[in-house]
C-alpha atoms as a PDB file:
ATOM      1  CA  MET A   1      -1.475  -1.113  20.310  1.00  0.00           C
ATOM      2  CA  HIS A   2      -1.531  -4.887  20.426  1.00  0.00           C
ATOM      3  CA  ALA A   3       1.605  -6.999  20.080  1.00  0.00           C
ATOM      4  CA  VAL A   4       0.764 -10.515  18.935  1.00  0.00           C
ATOM      5  CA  HIS A   5       2.271 -13.918  18.304  1.00  0.00           C
ATOM      6  CA  PHE A   6      -0.293 -16.154  16.637  1.00  0.00           C
ATOM      7  CA  GLU A   7      -0.341 -19.938  16.235  1.00  0.00           C
ATOM      8  CA  SER A   8       2.410 -21.340  14.024  1.00  0.00           C
ATOM      9  CA  ASN A   9       1.086 -24.898  13.696  1.00  0.00           C
ATOM     10  CA  ASP A  10      -1.970 -23.966  11.619  1.00  0.00           C
ATOM     11  CA  VAL A  11      -1.422 -24.307   7.872  1.00  0.00           C
ATOM     12  CA  LEU A  12      -4.930 -23.238   6.807  1.00  0.00           C
ATOM     13  CA  GLY A  13      -5.278 -20.450   9.372  1.00  0.00           C
ATOM     14  CA  ALA A  14      -8.449 -21.648  11.142  1.00  0.00           C
ATOM     15  CA  LEU A  15      -6.889 -21.284  14.613  1.00  0.00           C
ATOM     16  CA  ARG A  16      -5.354 -17.931  13.718  1.00  0.00           C
ATOM     17  CA  VAL A  17      -8.766 -16.650  12.581  1.00  0.00           C
ATOM     18  CA  VAL A  18     -10.138 -17.420  16.056  1.00  0.00           C
ATOM     19  CA  GLN A  19      -7.115 -15.700  17.626  1.00  0.00           C
ATOM     20  CA  VAL A  20      -7.541 -12.633  15.396  1.00  0.00           C
ATOM     21  CA  GLU A  21     -11.247 -12.423  16.199  1.00  0.00           C
ATOM     22  CA  GLU A  22     -10.540 -12.670  19.944  1.00  0.00           C
ATOM     23  CA  MET A  23      -7.874  -9.984  19.639  1.00  0.00           C
ATOM     24  CA  LEU A  24     -10.275  -7.731  17.709  1.00  0.00           C
ATOM     25  CA  ASP A  25     -12.924  -8.220  20.407  1.00  0.00           C
ATOM     26  CA  ALA A  26     -10.389  -7.223  23.083  1.00  0.00           C
ATOM     27  CA  LEU A  27      -9.282  -4.253  20.987  1.00  0.00           C
ATOM     28  CA  GLN A  28     -12.876  -3.109  20.543  1.00  0.00           C
ATOM     29  CA  ALA A  29     -13.485  -3.393  24.286  1.00  0.00           C
ATOM     30  CA  SER A  30     -10.412  -1.327  25.143  1.00  0.00           C
ATOM     31  CA  ALA A  31     -10.075   1.107  22.241  1.00  0.00           C
ATOM     32  CA  CYS A  32     -13.531   1.131  20.633  1.00  0.00           C
ATOM     33  CA  ASP A  33     -13.071   2.529  17.129  1.00  0.00           C
ATOM     34  CA  ARG A  34     -10.056   4.692  17.946  1.00  0.00           C
ATOM     35  CA  PRO A  35      -6.931   4.406  15.784  1.00  0.00           C
ATOM     36  CA  SER A  36      -5.166   1.116  16.445  1.00  0.00           C
ATOM     37  CA  ILE A  37      -1.996  -0.792  15.662  1.00  0.00           C
ATOM     38  CA  VAL A  38      -1.618  -4.569  15.712  1.00  0.00           C
ATOM     39  CA  ALA A  39       1.903  -5.825  15.134  1.00  0.00           C
ATOM     40  CA  GLY A  40       3.912  -8.979  15.576  1.00  0.00           C
ATOM     41  CA  ASP A  41       4.435 -12.509  14.365  1.00  0.00           C
ATOM     42  CA  PHE A  42       1.236 -13.517  12.600  1.00  0.00           C
ATOM     43  CA  ASN A  43       2.692 -16.757  11.181  1.00  0.00           C
ATOM     44  CA  THR A  44       0.675 -15.966   8.056  1.00  0.00           C
ATOM     45  CA  TRP A  45       2.562 -16.225   4.810  1.00  0.00           C
ATOM     46  CA  TYR A  46       0.057 -16.064   1.945  1.00  0.00           C
ATOM     47  CA  PRO A  47      -1.950 -13.017   0.831  1.00  0.00           C
ATOM     48  CA  THR A  48      -5.377 -14.704   0.859  1.00  0.00           C
ATOM     49  CA  ALA A  49      -5.008 -16.194   4.347  1.00  0.00           C
ATOM     50  CA  PRO A  50      -8.366 -16.017   6.158  1.00  0.00           C
ATOM     51  CA  GLU A  51      -6.911 -14.182   9.146  1.00  0.00           C
ATOM     52  CA  ARG A  52      -5.698 -11.407   6.827  1.00  0.00           C
ATOM     53  CA  VAL A  53      -9.206 -11.167   5.392  1.00  0.00           C
ATOM     54  CA  VAL A  54     -10.679 -10.769   8.898  1.00  0.00           C
ATOM     55  CA  LEU A  55      -8.292  -7.890   9.629  1.00  0.00           C
ATOM     56  CA  MET A  56      -9.005  -6.155   6.313  1.00  0.00           C
ATOM     57  CA  ARG A  57     -12.777  -6.464   6.836  1.00  0.00           C
ATOM     58  CA  SER A  58     -12.263  -4.813  10.226  1.00  0.00           C
ATOM     59  CA  GLY A  59     -10.732  -1.762   8.551  1.00  0.00           C
ATOM     60  CA  PHE A  60      -7.057  -2.584   9.103  1.00  0.00           C
ATOM     61  CA  VAL A  61      -4.414  -2.108   6.433  1.00  0.00           C
ATOM     62  CA  ASP A  62      -1.104  -3.931   6.121  1.00  0.00           C
ATOM     63  CA  ALA A  63       1.530  -1.199   6.468  1.00  0.00           C
ATOM     64  CA  PHE A  64       4.079  -3.053   4.369  1.00  0.00           C
ATOM     65  CA  GLU A  65       1.574  -3.682   1.602  1.00  0.00           C
ATOM     66  CA  VAL A  66       1.016   0.089   1.531  1.00  0.00           C
ATOM     67  CA  LEU A  67       4.800   0.544   1.347  1.00  0.00           C
ATOM     68  CA  GLY A  68       5.071  -2.015  -1.465  1.00  0.00           C
ATOM     69  CA  ASP A  69       7.307  -4.422   0.479  1.00  0.00           C
ATOM     70  CA  SER A  70       5.806  -7.883   0.761  1.00  0.00           C
ATOM     71  CA  GLY A  71       9.216  -9.538   0.925  1.00  0.00           C
ATOM     72  CA  PRO A  72      10.446 -11.808   3.689  1.00  0.00           C
ATOM     73  CA  THR A  73      10.357 -10.848   7.347  1.00  0.00           C
ATOM     74  CA  HIS A  74      11.768 -14.200   8.434  1.00  0.00           C
ATOM     75  CA  ALA A  75      14.943 -16.151   7.684  1.00  0.00           C
ATOM     76  CA  SER A  76      12.780 -18.869   6.066  1.00  0.00           C
ATOM     77  CA  GLY A  77      12.091 -16.442   3.229  1.00  0.00           C
ATOM     78  CA  ARG A  78       8.464 -15.996   4.277  1.00  0.00           C
ATOM     79  CA  HIS A  79       6.591 -12.843   5.228  1.00  0.00           C
ATOM     80  CA  LEU A  80       5.337 -13.790   8.713  1.00  0.00           C
ATOM     81  CA  ASP A  81       5.483 -10.488  10.586  1.00  0.00           C
ATOM     82  CA  TYR A  82       3.104  -7.596  10.058  1.00  0.00           C
ATOM     83  CA  VAL A  83       2.142  -4.148  11.215  1.00  0.00           C
ATOM     84  CA  TRP A  84      -1.591  -3.629  10.694  1.00  0.00           C
ATOM     85  CA  THR A  85      -3.048  -0.174  11.255  1.00  0.00           C
ATOM     86  CA  ARG A  86      -6.481   1.416  11.413  1.00  0.00           C
ATOM     87  CA  GLY A  87      -6.892   5.177  11.547  1.00  0.00           C
ATOM     88  CA  PHE A  88      -3.315   5.956  10.506  1.00  0.00           C
ATOM     89  CA  ASP A  89      -1.622   6.952   7.271  1.00  0.00           C
ATOM     90  CA  VAL A  90       1.534   4.953   6.567  1.00  0.00           C
ATOM     91  CA  GLU A  91       4.307   7.491   5.916  1.00  0.00           C
ATOM     92  CA  GLY A  92       7.323   5.179   5.696  1.00  0.00           C
ATOM     93  CA  GLY A  93       9.053   2.180   7.152  1.00  0.00           C
ATOM     94  CA  ALA A  94      11.352  -0.712   6.390  1.00  0.00           C
ATOM     95  CA  ILE A  95      12.241  -4.310   7.089  1.00  0.00           C
ATOM     96  CA  ASP A  96      15.890  -4.576   8.147  1.00  0.00           C
ATOM     97  CA  ARG A  97      17.005  -7.803   6.514  1.00  0.00           C
ATOM     98  CA  THR A  98      20.635  -7.288   7.562  1.00  0.00           C
ATOM     99  CA  VAL A  99      20.003  -8.099  11.240  1.00  0.00           C
ATOM    100  CA  THR A 100      20.809 -11.728  12.039  1.00  0.00           C
ATOM    101  CA  THR A 101      20.386 -11.863  15.831  1.00  0.00           C
ATOM    102  CA  SER A 102      16.945 -13.436  15.380  1.00  0.00           C
ATOM    103  CA  ASP A 103      15.230 -15.526  12.740  1.00  0.00           C
ATOM    104  CA  HIS A 104      12.771 -12.600  12.381  1.00  0.00           C
ATOM    105  CA  PHE A 105      13.871  -9.317  10.842  1.00  0.00           C
ATOM    106  CA  PRO A 106      13.066  -6.061  12.667  1.00  0.00           C
ATOM    107  CA  LEU A 107      10.255  -3.954  11.236  1.00  0.00           C
ATOM    108  CA  HIS A 108       9.570  -0.282  11.695  1.00  0.00           C
ATOM    109  CA  VAL A 109       6.901   2.003  10.352  1.00  0.00           C
ATOM    110  CA  GLU A 110       6.289   5.721  10.416  1.00  0.00           C
ATOM    111  CA  LEU A 111       2.631   6.585  10.924  1.00  0.00           C
ATOM    112  CA  ARG A 112       0.529   9.707  11.066  1.00  0.00           C
ATOM    113  CA  LEU A 113      -2.998   9.917  12.454  1.00  0.00           C
ATOM    114  CA  SER A 114      -5.485  10.007   9.598  1.00  0.00           C
ATOM    115  CA  PRO A 115      -7.451  13.231   9.401  1.00  0.00           C
END
């Protein structure tokens, strides 16, 4: 599992792509191709962002896309926080938009190892 907080001052995502690639290299070195979870504040808010593409090409899926919830994870109304998985089936989860102790809403997912 990797918990991340990627660059926020990067509108086009070029810096975040480098960060994602470095994180994937570290993940490969430590976990090889075993099931993996990458979660946190990606500061990515549009579906075609290049850093999302890098993750998808590496076999990761966006848990909340699977669940059909691409709504906001941040008080700004943007979806900035993600749980990306590889080697798991997404069974359930939610974004708790009632919590106001942070500008980010808590996320949780229920996963099962893929057969």
